[in-house]
Amino acid sequence: MKRDKLRYKLSIKEKERSGLNANSFSDSVNDALSTKDMDLFWKTWRSKFSNKRLSSVTDGCCNEVNIANKFAEAFKAVSVPNSKDTNEQLHSFFDERFMHYKGNNTSDDFINVGMVQKCIEDLKKGKAPGLDGPMAEHLLLAHPVYLCT
C-alpha cells in the first residue's frame, strides 16, 4: 500500500514537471513570435513537434515520382486563370494602363547604388520568392556586378 502511494505521488510530480515544460515551450514560442525572430521560432517549434522520420506515403502514393506528379497536378489546378475571357479582359486593362504610365518625376541621381544596396539589406530574409524567382538571400549574396546590371 505504501509503495502504491509513493508511485502515485511520483506520477503526480512527473505530470506537474511535464506541465511546466509545456508552459515554458509555449512561452518560448510566444517570445520568438513577439520579437519576430523566425529562426528561433522554428527551432523551438521543431524541437517540440518535429518528426524525424518523414512519411513516405502522400495521398496514397509512395513512389517519389508519383508524389511529385500529384503535387504538380494540385498546383497546376490552382494556378490557372478563372476563365479565358476574364484573363483577356484583365490583361487588356493592364496593357491600357501601362501604356499611359509616366512613372515618377524624379531625377536620375535620386536613385543610386547606395540606395539600392540599403534597400537590398533591408529586405526580409526567409521569405518565399516572387514570380521573378530571386529571394532576398540571392540579392544579398550576389556579386556587386550583378546588382549594377
C-alpha atoms as a PDB file:
ATOM      1  CA  MET A   1       0.000   0.000   0.000  1.00  0.00           C
ATOM      2  CA  LYS A   2       2.792   2.424   0.899  1.00  0.00           C
ATOM      3  CA  ARG A   3       4.615   1.616  -2.329  1.00  0.00           C
ATOM      4  CA  ASP A   4       1.492   2.373  -4.399  1.00  0.00           C
ATOM      5  CA  LYS A   5       1.063   5.678  -2.586  1.00  0.00           C
ATOM      6  CA  LEU A   6       4.672   6.648  -3.368  1.00  0.00           C
ATOM      7  CA  ARG A   7       4.231   5.649  -7.004  1.00  0.00           C
ATOM      8  CA  TYR A   8       1.076   7.762  -7.183  1.00  0.00           C
ATOM      9  CA  LYS A   9       2.834  10.817  -5.696  1.00  0.00           C
ATOM     10  CA  LEU A  10       5.761  10.326  -8.069  1.00  0.00           C
ATOM     11  CA  SER A  11       3.448  10.211 -11.094  1.00  0.00           C
ATOM     12  CA  ILE A  12       1.758  13.455  -9.943  1.00  0.00           C
ATOM     13  CA  LYS A  13       5.148  15.195  -9.661  1.00  0.00           C
ATOM     14  CA  GLU A  14       6.133  13.972 -13.118  1.00  0.00           C
ATOM     15  CA  LYS A  15       2.895  15.331 -14.591  1.00  0.00           C
ATOM     16  CA  GLU A  16       3.475  18.690 -12.903  1.00  0.00           C
ATOM     17  CA  ARG A  17       7.009  18.841 -14.293  1.00  0.00           C
ATOM     18  CA  SER A  18       5.838  17.984 -17.783  1.00  0.00           C
ATOM     19  CA  GLY A  19       3.174  20.701 -17.484  1.00  0.00           C
ATOM     20  CA  LEU A  20       5.875  23.260 -16.635  1.00  0.00           C
ATOM     21  CA  ASN A  21       7.860  22.214 -19.680  1.00  0.00           C
ATOM     22  CA  ALA A  22       4.803  22.655 -21.890  1.00  0.00           C
ATOM     23  CA  ASN A  23       4.283  26.174 -20.491  1.00  0.00           C
ATOM     24  CA  SER A  24       7.920  27.079 -20.965  1.00  0.00           C
ATOM     25  CA  PHE A  25       7.680  25.782 -24.518  1.00  0.00           C
ATOM     26  CA  SER A  26       4.639  27.907 -25.286  1.00  0.00           C
ATOM     27  CA  ASP A  27       6.360  30.875 -23.622  1.00  0.00           C
ATOM     28  CA  SER A  28       9.462  30.428 -25.754  1.00  0.00           C
ATOM     29  CA  VAL A  29       7.362  30.140 -28.934  1.00  0.00           C
ATOM     30  CA  ASN A  30       5.420  33.235 -27.918  1.00  0.00           C
ATOM     31  CA  ASP A  31       8.645  35.141 -27.165  1.00  0.00           C
ATOM     32  CA  ALA A  32      10.091  34.209 -30.551  1.00  0.00           C
ATOM     33  CA  LEU A  33       6.920  35.365 -32.302  1.00  0.00           C
ATOM     34  CA  SER A  34       6.669  38.609 -30.355  1.00  0.00           C
ATOM     35  CA  THR A  35      10.294  39.505 -31.157  1.00  0.00           C
ATOM     36  CA  LYS A  36       9.745  38.377 -34.770  1.00  0.00           C
ATOM     37  CA  ASP A  37      12.725  36.022 -34.543  1.00  0.00           C
ATOM     38  CA  MET A  38      11.662  33.429 -37.106  1.00  0.00           C
ATOM     39  CA  ASP A  39      14.827  31.341 -36.756  1.00  0.00           C
ATOM     40  CA  LEU A  40      14.264  30.928 -33.011  1.00  0.00           C
ATOM     41  CA  PHE A  41      10.554  30.281 -33.546  1.00  0.00           C
ATOM     42  CA  TRP A  42      11.134  27.439 -35.991  1.00  0.00           C
ATOM     43  CA  LYS A  43      13.957  25.998 -33.900  1.00  0.00           C
ATOM     44  CA  THR A  44      11.632  25.889 -30.882  1.00  0.00           C
ATOM     45  CA  TRP A  45       8.764  24.549 -32.960  1.00  0.00           C
ATOM     46  CA  ARG A  46      10.856  21.752 -34.449  1.00  0.00           C
ATOM     47  CA  SER A  47      12.239  20.788 -31.035  1.00  0.00           C
ATOM     48  CA  LYS A  48       8.697  20.034 -29.873  1.00  0.00           C
ATOM     49  CA  PHE A  49       6.829  18.913 -32.974  1.00  0.00           C
ATOM     50  CA  SER A  50       9.496  17.775 -35.397  1.00  0.00           C
ATOM     51  CA  ASN A  51       9.023  14.289 -36.718  1.00  0.00           C
ATOM     52  CA  LYS A  52      12.459  12.960 -37.586  1.00  0.00           C
ATOM     53  CA  ARG A  53      11.012  10.330 -39.873  1.00  0.00           C
ATOM     54  CA  LEU A  54       9.110  11.774 -42.811  1.00  0.00           C
ATOM     55  CA  SER A  55       6.140   9.927 -44.205  1.00  0.00           C
ATOM     56  CA  SER A  56       6.837   8.121 -47.441  1.00  0.00           C
ATOM     57  CA  VAL A  57       3.139   7.961 -48.418  1.00  0.00           C
ATOM     58  CA  THR A  58       1.322  11.005 -49.765  1.00  0.00           C
ATOM     59  CA  ASP A  59      -2.241  10.792 -50.998  1.00  0.00           C
ATOM     60  CA  GLY A  60      -1.902   7.042 -51.434  1.00  0.00           C
ATOM     61  CA  CYS A  61       1.340   7.287 -53.452  1.00  0.00           C
ATOM     62  CA  CYS A  62       4.655   6.013 -52.162  1.00  0.00           C
ATOM     63  CA  ASN A  63       6.823   6.499 -55.259  1.00  0.00           C
ATOM     64  CA  GLU A  64       8.669   9.856 -55.302  1.00  0.00           C
ATOM     65  CA  VAL A  65       7.839  10.483 -58.961  1.00  0.00           C
ATOM     66  CA  ASN A  66       4.126   9.824 -58.394  1.00  0.00           C
ATOM     67  CA  ILE A  67       4.121  12.090 -55.329  1.00  0.00           C
ATOM     68  CA  ALA A  68       5.808  14.868 -57.326  1.00  0.00           C
ATOM     69  CA  ASN A  69       3.233  14.437 -60.098  1.00  0.00           C
ATOM     70  CA  LYS A  70       0.377  14.687 -57.556  1.00  0.00           C
ATOM     71  CA  PHE A  71       1.814  17.965 -56.248  1.00  0.00           C
ATOM     72  CA  ALA A  72       2.289  19.244 -59.803  1.00  0.00           C
ATOM     73  CA  GLU A  73      -1.342  18.447 -60.636  1.00  0.00           C
ATOM     74  CA  ALA A  74      -2.584  20.183 -57.475  1.00  0.00           C
ATOM     75  CA  PHE A  75      -0.546  23.340 -58.093  1.00  0.00           C
ATOM     76  CA  LYS A  76      -1.462  23.394 -61.764  1.00  0.00           C
ATOM     77  CA  ALA A  77      -5.156  23.238 -60.847  1.00  0.00           C
ATOM     78  CA  VAL A  78      -4.939  26.286 -58.572  1.00  0.00           C
ATOM     79  CA  SER A  79      -2.693  28.427 -60.758  1.00  0.00           C
ATOM     80  CA  VAL A  80      -4.870  28.721 -63.848  1.00  0.00           C
ATOM     81  CA  PRO A  81      -6.877  31.851 -64.708  1.00  0.00           C
ATOM     82  CA  ASN A  82     -10.523  31.885 -63.657  1.00  0.00           C
ATOM     83  CA  SER A  83     -11.687  31.982 -67.258  1.00  0.00           C
ATOM     84  CA  LYS A  84     -10.211  32.839 -70.633  1.00  0.00           C
ATOM     85  CA  ASP A  85     -12.489  35.884 -71.045  1.00  0.00           C
ATOM     86  CA  THR A  86     -11.669  37.302 -67.591  1.00  0.00           C
ATOM     87  CA  ASN A  87      -7.970  36.731 -68.155  1.00  0.00           C
ATOM     88  CA  GLU A  88      -8.053  38.572 -71.511  1.00  0.00           C
ATOM     89  CA  GLN A  89     -10.101  41.413 -70.022  1.00  0.00           C
ATOM     90  CA  LEU A  90      -7.673  41.916 -67.129  1.00  0.00           C
ATOM     91  CA  HIS A  91      -4.691  41.649 -69.473  1.00  0.00           C
ATOM     92  CA  SER A  92      -6.062  44.340 -71.803  1.00  0.00           C
ATOM     93  CA  PHE A  93      -6.905  46.557 -68.794  1.00  0.00           C
ATOM     94  CA  PHE A  94      -3.299  46.236 -67.596  1.00  0.00           C
ATOM     95  CA  ASP A  95      -1.874  46.918 -71.067  1.00  0.00           C
ATOM     96  CA  GLU A  96      -4.016  50.050 -71.441  1.00  0.00           C
ATOM     97  CA  ARG A  97      -2.951  51.460 -68.071  1.00  0.00           C
ATOM     98  CA  PHE A  98       0.689  50.513 -68.639  1.00  0.00           C
ATOM     99  CA  MET A  99       0.804  52.370 -71.980  1.00  0.00           C
ATOM    100  CA  HIS A 100      -0.236  55.620 -70.250  1.00  0.00           C
ATOM    101  CA  TYR A 101       2.053  55.188 -67.252  1.00  0.00           C
ATOM    102  CA  LYS A 102       4.579  58.009 -66.938  1.00  0.00           C
ATOM    103  CA  GLY A 103       6.352  56.999 -63.745  1.00  0.00           C
ATOM    104  CA  ASN A 104       7.728  59.203 -61.026  1.00  0.00           C
ATOM    105  CA  ASN A 105       9.097  62.621 -61.847  1.00  0.00           C
ATOM    106  CA  THR A 106      12.409  62.017 -60.103  1.00  0.00           C
ATOM    107  CA  SER A 107      15.827  62.764 -61.446  1.00  0.00           C
ATOM    108  CA  ASP A 108      18.287  60.002 -62.240  1.00  0.00           C
ATOM    109  CA  ASP A 109      20.558  60.961 -59.348  1.00  0.00           C
ATOM    110  CA  PHE A 110      17.728  60.258 -56.897  1.00  0.00           C
ATOM    111  CA  ILE A 111      18.393  56.519 -57.160  1.00  0.00           C
ATOM    112  CA  ASN A 112      22.000  55.491 -56.653  1.00  0.00           C
ATOM    113  CA  VAL A 113      23.975  52.361 -55.853  1.00  0.00           C
ATOM    114  CA  GLY A 114      23.995  53.103 -52.120  1.00  0.00           C
ATOM    115  CA  MET A 115      20.217  53.398 -52.020  1.00  0.00           C
ATOM    116  CA  VAL A 116      19.806  50.114 -53.904  1.00  0.00           C
ATOM    117  CA  GLN A 117      22.260  48.397 -51.529  1.00  0.00           C
ATOM    118  CA  LYS A 118      20.376  49.716 -48.470  1.00  0.00           C
ATOM    119  CA  CYS A 119      17.050  48.515 -49.880  1.00  0.00           C
ATOM    120  CA  ILE A 120      18.510  45.056 -50.510  1.00  0.00           C
ATOM    121  CA  GLU A 121      19.935  44.903 -46.971  1.00  0.00           C
ATOM    122  CA  ASP A 122      16.512  45.843 -45.548  1.00  0.00           C
ATOM    123  CA  LEU A 123      14.716  43.008 -47.351  1.00  0.00           C
ATOM    124  CA  LYS A 124      13.215  40.394 -45.028  1.00  0.00           C
ATOM    125  CA  LYS A 125      15.091  37.133 -45.122  1.00  0.00           C
ATOM    126  CA  GLY A 126      13.473  33.709 -45.284  1.00  0.00           C
ATOM    127  CA  LYS A 127      10.519  34.791 -47.406  1.00  0.00           C
ATOM    128  CA  ALA A 128       9.288  32.921 -50.464  1.00  0.00           C
ATOM    129  CA  PRO A 129      10.382  34.346 -53.809  1.00  0.00           C
ATOM    130  CA  GLY A 130       8.006  36.110 -56.139  1.00  0.00           C
ATOM    131  CA  LEU A 131       7.239  35.093 -59.692  1.00  0.00           C
ATOM    132  CA  ASP A 132      10.571  36.522 -60.860  1.00  0.00           C
ATOM    133  CA  GLY A 133      12.443  33.921 -58.770  1.00  0.00           C
ATOM    134  CA  PRO A 134      15.194  35.614 -56.736  1.00  0.00           C
ATOM    135  CA  MET A 135      14.898  35.631 -52.967  1.00  0.00           C
ATOM    136  CA  ALA A 136      16.339  38.311 -50.679  1.00  0.00           C
ATOM    137  CA  GLU A 137      19.235  35.979 -49.894  1.00  0.00           C
ATOM    138  CA  HIS A 138      20.095  35.725 -53.604  1.00  0.00           C
ATOM    139  CA  LEU A 139      20.435  39.507 -53.845  1.00  0.00           C
ATOM    140  CA  LEU A 140      22.302  39.811 -50.544  1.00  0.00           C
ATOM    141  CA  LEU A 141      24.877  37.206 -51.530  1.00  0.00           C
ATOM    142  CA  ALA A 142      25.155  38.222 -55.186  1.00  0.00           C
ATOM    143  CA  HIS A 143      28.309  39.783 -56.554  1.00  0.00           C
ATOM    144  CA  PRO A 144      28.014  43.610 -56.745  1.00  0.00           C
ATOM    145  CA  VAL A 145      28.482  43.497 -60.525  1.00  0.00           C
ATOM    146  CA  TYR A 146      25.244  41.520 -60.805  1.00  0.00           C
ATOM    147  CA  LEU A 147      23.305  44.191 -58.918  1.00  0.00           C
ATOM    148  CA  CYS A 148      24.609  47.043 -61.068  1.00  0.00           C
ATOM    149  CA  THR A 149      23.446  45.498 -64.354  1.00  0.00           C
END
